[in-house]
Amino acid sequence: MPFLNLKDEEIKGLSGLQSNGFVFDWTKKSSNRSQTTVFYSDSDIAGLVEFERRPEDLLNYLWLIEVGDNFKGTGVAGKLLAYVAKDSLTAGFDGFVLFEPKTYLYEFYIQAFKAKPVRDRYLMFDTETANWLIQKYLGTEEFA
Protein backbone atom coordinates (compact mmCIF):
# COMPACT_ATOMS: atom_id res chain seq x y z
CA MET A 1 0.00 0.00 0.00
CA PRO A 2 1.59 3.31 -1.05
CA PHE A 3 0.03 5.45 1.73
CA LEU A 4 0.93 5.15 5.39
CA ASN A 5 -0.48 7.24 8.24
CA LEU A 6 2.29 7.77 10.75
CA LYS A 7 1.91 7.54 14.50
CA ASP A 8 3.44 10.35 16.57
CA GLU A 9 6.41 8.20 17.56
CA GLU A 10 7.05 7.33 13.87
CA ILE A 11 7.19 11.01 12.89
CA LYS A 12 10.42 11.39 14.88
CA GLY A 13 12.03 8.97 12.40
CA LEU A 14 11.62 11.44 9.53
CA SER A 15 14.73 13.41 10.46
CA GLY A 16 16.95 12.45 7.50
CA LEU A 17 14.73 13.55 4.64
CA GLN A 18 16.81 16.58 3.60
CA SER A 19 19.15 14.25 1.72
CA ASN A 20 16.20 13.34 -0.53
CA GLY A 21 15.42 16.97 -1.30
CA PHE A 22 12.81 17.60 1.38
CA VAL A 23 12.91 21.06 2.95
CA PHE A 24 10.31 20.95 5.73
CA ASP A 25 11.10 19.55 9.16
CA TRP A 26 8.67 16.65 9.19
CA THR A 27 9.59 15.68 12.75
CA LYS A 28 7.46 18.56 14.08
CA LYS A 29 3.68 18.72 13.83
CA SER A 30 1.86 21.93 12.93
CA SER A 31 -1.06 21.03 15.20
CA ASN A 32 -1.67 18.54 17.97
CA ARG A 33 -4.68 17.31 15.96
CA SER A 34 -2.86 16.81 12.66
CA GLN A 35 -1.80 13.58 11.06
CA THR A 36 1.13 12.95 8.75
CA THR A 37 0.78 10.60 5.81
CA VAL A 38 3.65 9.28 3.70
CA PHE A 39 3.33 8.26 0.07
CA TYR A 40 5.81 5.58 -0.93
CA SER A 41 7.05 4.68 -4.38
CA ASP A 42 8.55 1.23 -4.00
CA SER A 43 10.38 1.66 -0.69
CA ASP A 44 11.27 5.35 -1.17
CA ILE A 45 9.40 8.22 0.46
CA ALA A 46 8.04 10.10 -2.54
CA GLY A 47 6.00 12.67 -0.64
CA LEU A 48 4.36 13.63 2.62
CA VAL A 49 1.27 15.52 3.66
CA GLU A 50 0.17 16.85 7.05
CA PHE A 51 -3.48 17.66 7.59
CA GLU A 52 -6.10 17.72 10.29
CA ARG A 53 -9.76 16.95 10.38
CA ARG A 54 -11.77 19.94 11.53
CA PRO A 55 -15.27 18.67 12.28
CA GLU A 56 -16.23 22.06 13.68
CA ASP A 57 -15.66 23.51 10.17
CA LEU A 58 -16.70 20.36 8.24
CA LEU A 59 -13.40 20.18 6.35
CA ASN A 60 -9.83 18.95 6.35
CA TYR A 61 -7.18 21.61 6.81
CA LEU A 62 -3.98 20.99 4.84
CA TRP A 63 -0.92 22.14 6.77
CA LEU A 64 1.98 20.90 4.65
CA ILE A 65 2.61 18.99 1.47
CA GLU A 66 5.97 18.16 -0.02
CA VAL A 67 7.33 15.95 -2.77
CA GLY A 68 10.90 14.63 -2.86
CA ASP A 69 13.21 15.90 -5.58
CA ASN A 70 13.23 12.59 -7.48
CA PHE A 71 9.43 12.54 -7.67
CA LYS A 72 8.57 16.10 -8.73
CA GLY A 73 6.38 16.12 -11.83
CA THR A 74 5.33 12.47 -11.38
CA GLY A 75 1.83 13.03 -9.98
CA VAL A 76 2.78 12.49 -6.33
CA ALA A 77 1.43 15.90 -5.29
CA GLY A 78 -1.89 15.06 -6.93
CA LYS A 79 -2.02 11.71 -5.16
CA LEU A 80 -1.38 13.37 -1.79
CA LEU A 81 -4.04 16.02 -2.41
CA ALA A 82 -6.49 13.35 -3.54
CA TYR A 83 -5.72 11.38 -0.38
CA VAL A 84 -6.63 14.37 1.82
CA ALA A 85 -9.79 14.98 -0.25
CA LYS A 86 -10.80 11.33 0.05
CA ASP A 87 -10.23 11.46 3.80
CA SER A 88 -12.53 14.48 3.90
CA LEU A 89 -15.23 12.48 2.13
CA THR A 90 -14.71 9.54 4.49
CA ALA A 91 -14.98 11.87 7.50
CA GLY A 92 -18.32 13.21 6.24
CA PHE A 93 -16.97 16.62 5.15
CA ASP A 94 -18.09 16.22 1.51
CA GLY A 95 -14.50 16.43 0.25
CA PHE A 96 -13.87 19.97 1.47
CA VAL A 97 -10.20 20.85 2.01
CA LEU A 98 -8.87 24.28 2.95
CA PHE A 99 -5.23 25.40 2.68
CA GLU A 100 -2.97 28.41 2.30
CA PRO A 101 -0.32 27.71 -0.34
CA LYS A 102 2.98 29.46 -0.69
CA THR A 103 2.48 32.60 -2.78
CA TYR A 104 4.41 31.30 -5.78
CA LEU A 105 2.28 28.13 -5.88
CA TYR A 106 -1.12 29.84 -5.59
CA GLU A 107 -1.90 29.94 -9.32
CA PHE A 108 -0.35 26.50 -9.83
CA TYR A 109 -2.90 24.90 -7.45
CA ILE A 110 -5.72 26.64 -9.30
CA GLN A 111 -4.49 25.57 -12.74
CA ALA A 112 -3.19 22.06 -12.01
CA PHE A 113 -5.59 20.90 -9.28
CA LYS A 114 -8.74 23.03 -9.81
CA ALA A 115 -8.46 24.67 -6.38
CA LYS A 116 -10.90 27.50 -5.79
CA PRO A 117 -9.90 30.82 -4.22
CA VAL A 118 -11.67 31.74 -1.00
CA ARG A 119 -10.72 34.57 1.35
CA ASP A 120 -7.29 36.19 1.61
CA ARG A 121 -4.74 33.76 0.17
CA TYR A 122 -6.62 30.57 0.95
CA LEU A 123 -7.69 27.94 -1.54
CA MET A 124 -10.14 25.09 -1.21
CA PHE A 125 -11.31 21.92 -2.82
CA ASP A 126 -15.06 21.38 -2.87
CA THR A 127 -16.98 18.14 -3.47
CA GLU A 128 -16.71 18.34 -7.24
CA THR A 129 -12.97 19.02 -7.16
CA ALA A 130 -12.40 16.33 -4.52
CA ASN A 131 -14.11 13.73 -6.70
CA TRP A 132 -12.10 14.87 -9.72
CA LEU A 133 -8.81 14.61 -7.76
CA ILE A 134 -9.68 11.14 -6.46
CA GLN A 135 -10.66 9.84 -9.90
CA LYS A 136 -7.63 11.36 -11.64
CA TYR A 137 -4.93 10.55 -9.10
CA LEU A 138 -6.15 7.57 -7.11
CA GLY A 139 -8.60 5.81 -9.39
CA THR A 140 -9.00 2.38 -7.84
CA GLU A 141 -5.95 2.52 -5.55
CA GLU A 142 -6.54 1.14 -2.09
CA PHE A 143 -7.14 3.84 0.48
CA ALA A 144 -5.91 3.41 4.06
C-alpha atoms as a PDB file:
ATOM      1  CA  MET A   1       0.000   0.000   0.000  1.00  0.00           C
ATOM      2  CA  PRO A   2       1.589   3.308  -1.047  1.00  0.00           C
ATOM      3  CA  PHE A   3       0.032   5.452   1.735  1.00  0.00           C
ATOM      4  CA  LEU A   4       0.934   5.145   5.394  1.00  0.00           C
ATOM      5  CA  ASN A   5      -0.484   7.240   8.236  1.00  0.00           C
ATOM      6  CA  LEU A   6       2.290   7.768  10.751  1.00  0.00           C
ATOM      7  CA  LYS A   7       1.905   7.540  14.504  1.00  0.00           C
ATOM      8  CA  ASP A   8       3.439  10.347  16.573  1.00  0.00           C
ATOM      9  CA  GLU A   9       6.414   8.195  17.561  1.00  0.00           C
ATOM     10  CA  GLU A  10       7.051   7.327  13.872  1.00  0.00           C
ATOM     11  CA  ILE A  11       7.194  11.014  12.890  1.00  0.00           C
ATOM     12  CA  LYS A  12      10.419  11.386  14.876  1.00  0.00           C
ATOM     13  CA  GLY A  13      12.034   8.969  12.399  1.00  0.00           C
ATOM     14  CA  LEU A  14      11.623  11.436   9.529  1.00  0.00           C
ATOM     15  CA  SER A  15      14.731  13.409  10.461  1.00  0.00           C
ATOM     16  CA  GLY A  16      16.954  12.449   7.499  1.00  0.00           C
ATOM     17  CA  LEU A  17      14.726  13.551   4.640  1.00  0.00           C
ATOM     18  CA  GLN A  18      16.811  16.579   3.603  1.00  0.00           C
ATOM     19  CA  SER A  19      19.150  14.249   1.725  1.00  0.00           C
ATOM     20  CA  ASN A  20      16.196  13.341  -0.531  1.00  0.00           C
ATOM     21  CA  GLY A  21      15.422  16.971  -1.296  1.00  0.00           C
ATOM     22  CA  PHE A  22      12.806  17.599   1.380  1.00  0.00           C
ATOM     23  CA  VAL A  23      12.907  21.060   2.949  1.00  0.00           C
ATOM     24  CA  PHE A  24      10.314  20.949   5.735  1.00  0.00           C
ATOM     25  CA  ASP A  25      11.105  19.553   9.163  1.00  0.00           C
ATOM     26  CA  TRP A  26       8.668  16.646   9.194  1.00  0.00           C
ATOM     27  CA  THR A  27       9.594  15.677  12.754  1.00  0.00           C
ATOM     28  CA  LYS A  28       7.464  18.564  14.078  1.00  0.00           C
ATOM     29  CA  LYS A  29       3.683  18.719  13.833  1.00  0.00           C
ATOM     30  CA  SER A  30       1.857  21.931  12.933  1.00  0.00           C
ATOM     31  CA  SER A  31      -1.061  21.035  15.196  1.00  0.00           C
ATOM     32  CA  ASN A  32      -1.667  18.543  17.972  1.00  0.00           C
ATOM     33  CA  ARG A  33      -4.678  17.306  15.958  1.00  0.00           C
ATOM     34  CA  SER A  34      -2.859  16.814  12.659  1.00  0.00           C
ATOM     35  CA  GLN A  35      -1.805  13.577  11.058  1.00  0.00           C
ATOM     36  CA  THR A  36       1.130  12.950   8.750  1.00  0.00           C
ATOM     37  CA  THR A  37       0.778  10.599   5.812  1.00  0.00           C
ATOM     38  CA  VAL A  38       3.647   9.280   3.702  1.00  0.00           C
ATOM     39  CA  PHE A  39       3.332   8.263   0.074  1.00  0.00           C
ATOM     40  CA  TYR A  40       5.811   5.577  -0.930  1.00  0.00           C
ATOM     41  CA  SER A  41       7.051   4.682  -4.382  1.00  0.00           C
ATOM     42  CA  ASP A  42       8.545   1.234  -4.003  1.00  0.00           C
ATOM     43  CA  SER A  43      10.382   1.663  -0.692  1.00  0.00           C
ATOM     44  CA  ASP A  44      11.273   5.349  -1.172  1.00  0.00           C
ATOM     45  CA  ILE A  45       9.402   8.219   0.459  1.00  0.00           C
ATOM     46  CA  ALA A  46       8.038  10.095  -2.540  1.00  0.00           C
ATOM     47  CA  GLY A  47       5.995  12.672  -0.644  1.00  0.00           C
ATOM     48  CA  LEU A  48       4.356  13.631   2.620  1.00  0.00           C
ATOM     49  CA  VAL A  49       1.271  15.522   3.660  1.00  0.00           C
ATOM     50  CA  GLU A  50       0.172  16.846   7.047  1.00  0.00           C
ATOM     51  CA  PHE A  51      -3.479  17.663   7.593  1.00  0.00           C
ATOM     52  CA  GLU A  52      -6.100  17.723  10.291  1.00  0.00           C
ATOM     53  CA  ARG A  53      -9.758  16.947  10.379  1.00  0.00           C
ATOM     54  CA  ARG A  54     -11.774  19.942  11.533  1.00  0.00           C
ATOM     55  CA  PRO A  55     -15.268  18.669  12.280  1.00  0.00           C
ATOM     56  CA  GLU A  56     -16.231  22.063  13.680  1.00  0.00           C
ATOM     57  CA  ASP A  57     -15.657  23.508  10.171  1.00  0.00           C
ATOM     58  CA  LEU A  58     -16.696  20.362   8.235  1.00  0.00           C
ATOM     59  CA  LEU A  59     -13.402  20.184   6.353  1.00  0.00           C
ATOM     60  CA  ASN A  60      -9.833  18.953   6.348  1.00  0.00           C
ATOM     61  CA  TYR A  61      -7.179  21.609   6.808  1.00  0.00           C
ATOM     62  CA  LEU A  62      -3.982  20.985   4.839  1.00  0.00           C
ATOM     63  CA  TRP A  63      -0.919  22.140   6.770  1.00  0.00           C
ATOM     64  CA  LEU A  64       1.982  20.905   4.650  1.00  0.00           C
ATOM     65  CA  ILE A  65       2.606  18.993   1.468  1.00  0.00           C
ATOM     66  CA  GLU A  66       5.974  18.164  -0.018  1.00  0.00           C
ATOM     67  CA  VAL A  67       7.325  15.949  -2.769  1.00  0.00           C
ATOM     68  CA  GLY A  68      10.899  14.628  -2.860  1.00  0.00           C
ATOM     69  CA  ASP A  69      13.213  15.898  -5.583  1.00  0.00           C
ATOM     70  CA  ASN A  70      13.234  12.594  -7.477  1.00  0.00           C
ATOM     71  CA  PHE A  71       9.428  12.541  -7.668  1.00  0.00           C
ATOM     72  CA  LYS A  72       8.572  16.097  -8.733  1.00  0.00           C
ATOM     73  CA  GLY A  73       6.380  16.115 -11.826  1.00  0.00           C
ATOM     74  CA  THR A  74       5.326  12.472 -11.377  1.00  0.00           C
ATOM     75  CA  GLY A  75       1.832  13.026  -9.975  1.00  0.00           C
ATOM     76  CA  VAL A  76       2.779  12.485  -6.334  1.00  0.00           C
ATOM     77  CA  ALA A  77       1.426  15.898  -5.292  1.00  0.00           C
ATOM     78  CA  GLY A  78      -1.893  15.060  -6.934  1.00  0.00           C
ATOM     79  CA  LYS A  79      -2.020  11.710  -5.161  1.00  0.00           C
ATOM     80  CA  LEU A  80      -1.377  13.367  -1.790  1.00  0.00           C
ATOM     81  CA  LEU A  81      -4.041  16.019  -2.407  1.00  0.00           C
ATOM     82  CA  ALA A  82      -6.490  13.350  -3.542  1.00  0.00           C
ATOM     83  CA  TYR A  83      -5.721  11.385  -0.377  1.00  0.00           C
ATOM     84  CA  VAL A  84      -6.635  14.367   1.816  1.00  0.00           C
ATOM     85  CA  ALA A  85      -9.789  14.979  -0.245  1.00  0.00           C
ATOM     86  CA  LYS A  86     -10.804  11.325   0.055  1.00  0.00           C
ATOM     87  CA  ASP A  87     -10.228  11.456   3.800  1.00  0.00           C
ATOM     88  CA  SER A  88     -12.530  14.483   3.898  1.00  0.00           C
ATOM     89  CA  LEU A  89     -15.234  12.483   2.127  1.00  0.00           C
ATOM     90  CA  THR A  90     -14.712   9.543   4.489  1.00  0.00           C
ATOM     91  CA  ALA A  91     -14.982  11.874   7.503  1.00  0.00           C
ATOM     92  CA  GLY A  92     -18.323  13.209   6.243  1.00  0.00           C
ATOM     93  CA  PHE A  93     -16.972  16.617   5.153  1.00  0.00           C
ATOM     94  CA  ASP A  94     -18.094  16.224   1.505  1.00  0.00           C
ATOM     95  CA  GLY A  95     -14.501  16.427   0.254  1.00  0.00           C
ATOM     96  CA  PHE A  96     -13.872  19.975   1.468  1.00  0.00           C
ATOM     97  CA  VAL A  97     -10.204  20.846   2.013  1.00  0.00           C
ATOM     98  CA  LEU A  98      -8.865  24.282   2.951  1.00  0.00           C
ATOM     99  CA  PHE A  99      -5.231  25.404   2.676  1.00  0.00           C
ATOM    100  CA  GLU A 100      -2.965  28.414   2.305  1.00  0.00           C
ATOM    101  CA  PRO A 101      -0.325  27.706  -0.340  1.00  0.00           C
ATOM    102  CA  LYS A 102       2.983  29.460  -0.687  1.00  0.00           C
ATOM    103  CA  THR A 103       2.478  32.602  -2.779  1.00  0.00           C
ATOM    104  CA  TYR A 104       4.409  31.298  -5.776  1.00  0.00           C
ATOM    105  CA  LEU A 105       2.279  28.128  -5.884  1.00  0.00           C
ATOM    106  CA  TYR A 106      -1.116  29.839  -5.589  1.00  0.00           C
ATOM    107  CA  GLU A 107      -1.898  29.939  -9.324  1.00  0.00           C
ATOM    108  CA  PHE A 108      -0.354  26.501  -9.827  1.00  0.00           C
ATOM    109  CA  TYR A 109      -2.898  24.903  -7.452  1.00  0.00           C
ATOM    110  CA  ILE A 110      -5.720  26.642  -9.303  1.00  0.00           C
ATOM    111  CA  GLN A 111      -4.489  25.569 -12.737  1.00  0.00           C
ATOM    112  CA  ALA A 112      -3.193  22.063 -12.010  1.00  0.00           C
ATOM    113  CA  PHE A 113      -5.588  20.905  -9.279  1.00  0.00           C
ATOM    114  CA  LYS A 114      -8.739  23.032  -9.807  1.00  0.00           C
ATOM    115  CA  ALA A 115      -8.461  24.669  -6.379  1.00  0.00           C
ATOM    116  CA  LYS A 116     -10.897  27.498  -5.786  1.00  0.00           C
ATOM    117  CA  PRO A 117      -9.901  30.817  -4.216  1.00  0.00           C
ATOM    118  CA  VAL A 118     -11.671  31.744  -0.998  1.00  0.00           C
ATOM    119  CA  ARG A 119     -10.724  34.574   1.349  1.00  0.00           C
ATOM    120  CA  ASP A 120      -7.294  36.189   1.609  1.00  0.00           C
ATOM    121  CA  ARG A 121      -4.738  33.755   0.171  1.00  0.00           C
ATOM    122  CA  TYR A 122      -6.624  30.569   0.951  1.00  0.00           C
ATOM    123  CA  LEU A 123      -7.688  27.937  -1.544  1.00  0.00           C
ATOM    124  CA  MET A 124     -10.140  25.091  -1.215  1.00  0.00           C
ATOM    125  CA  PHE A 125     -11.315  21.916  -2.823  1.00  0.00           C
ATOM    126  CA  ASP A 126     -15.059  21.382  -2.873  1.00  0.00           C
ATOM    127  CA  THR A 127     -16.982  18.144  -3.467  1.00  0.00           C
ATOM    128  CA  GLU A 128     -16.710  18.337  -7.242  1.00  0.00           C
ATOM    129  CA  THR A 129     -12.973  19.016  -7.163  1.00  0.00           C
ATOM    130  CA  ALA A 130     -12.404  16.329  -4.521  1.00  0.00           C
ATOM    131  CA  ASN A 131     -14.112  13.732  -6.698  1.00  0.00           C
ATOM    132  CA  TRP A 132     -12.099  14.871  -9.723  1.00  0.00           C
ATOM    133  CA  LEU A 133      -8.813  14.614  -7.765  1.00  0.00           C
ATOM    134  CA  ILE A 134      -9.676  11.144  -6.463  1.00  0.00           C
ATOM    135  CA  GLN A 135     -10.656   9.844  -9.896  1.00  0.00           C
ATOM    136  CA  LYS A 136      -7.632  11.356 -11.642  1.00  0.00           C
ATOM    137  CA  TYR A 137      -4.927  10.555  -9.099  1.00  0.00           C
ATOM    138  CA  LEU A 138      -6.155   7.574  -7.112  1.00  0.00           C
ATOM    139  CA  GLY A 139      -8.599   5.808  -9.388  1.00  0.00           C
ATOM    140  CA  THR A 140      -9.000   2.379  -7.841  1.00  0.00           C
ATOM    141  CA  GLU A 141      -5.952   2.520  -5.547  1.00  0.00           C
ATOM    142  CA  GLU A 142      -6.542   1.135  -2.094  1.00  0.00           C
ATOM    143  CA  PHE A 143      -7.145   3.838   0.480  1.00  0.00           C
ATOM    144  CA  ALA A 144      -5.912   3.411   4.061  1.00  0.00           C
END
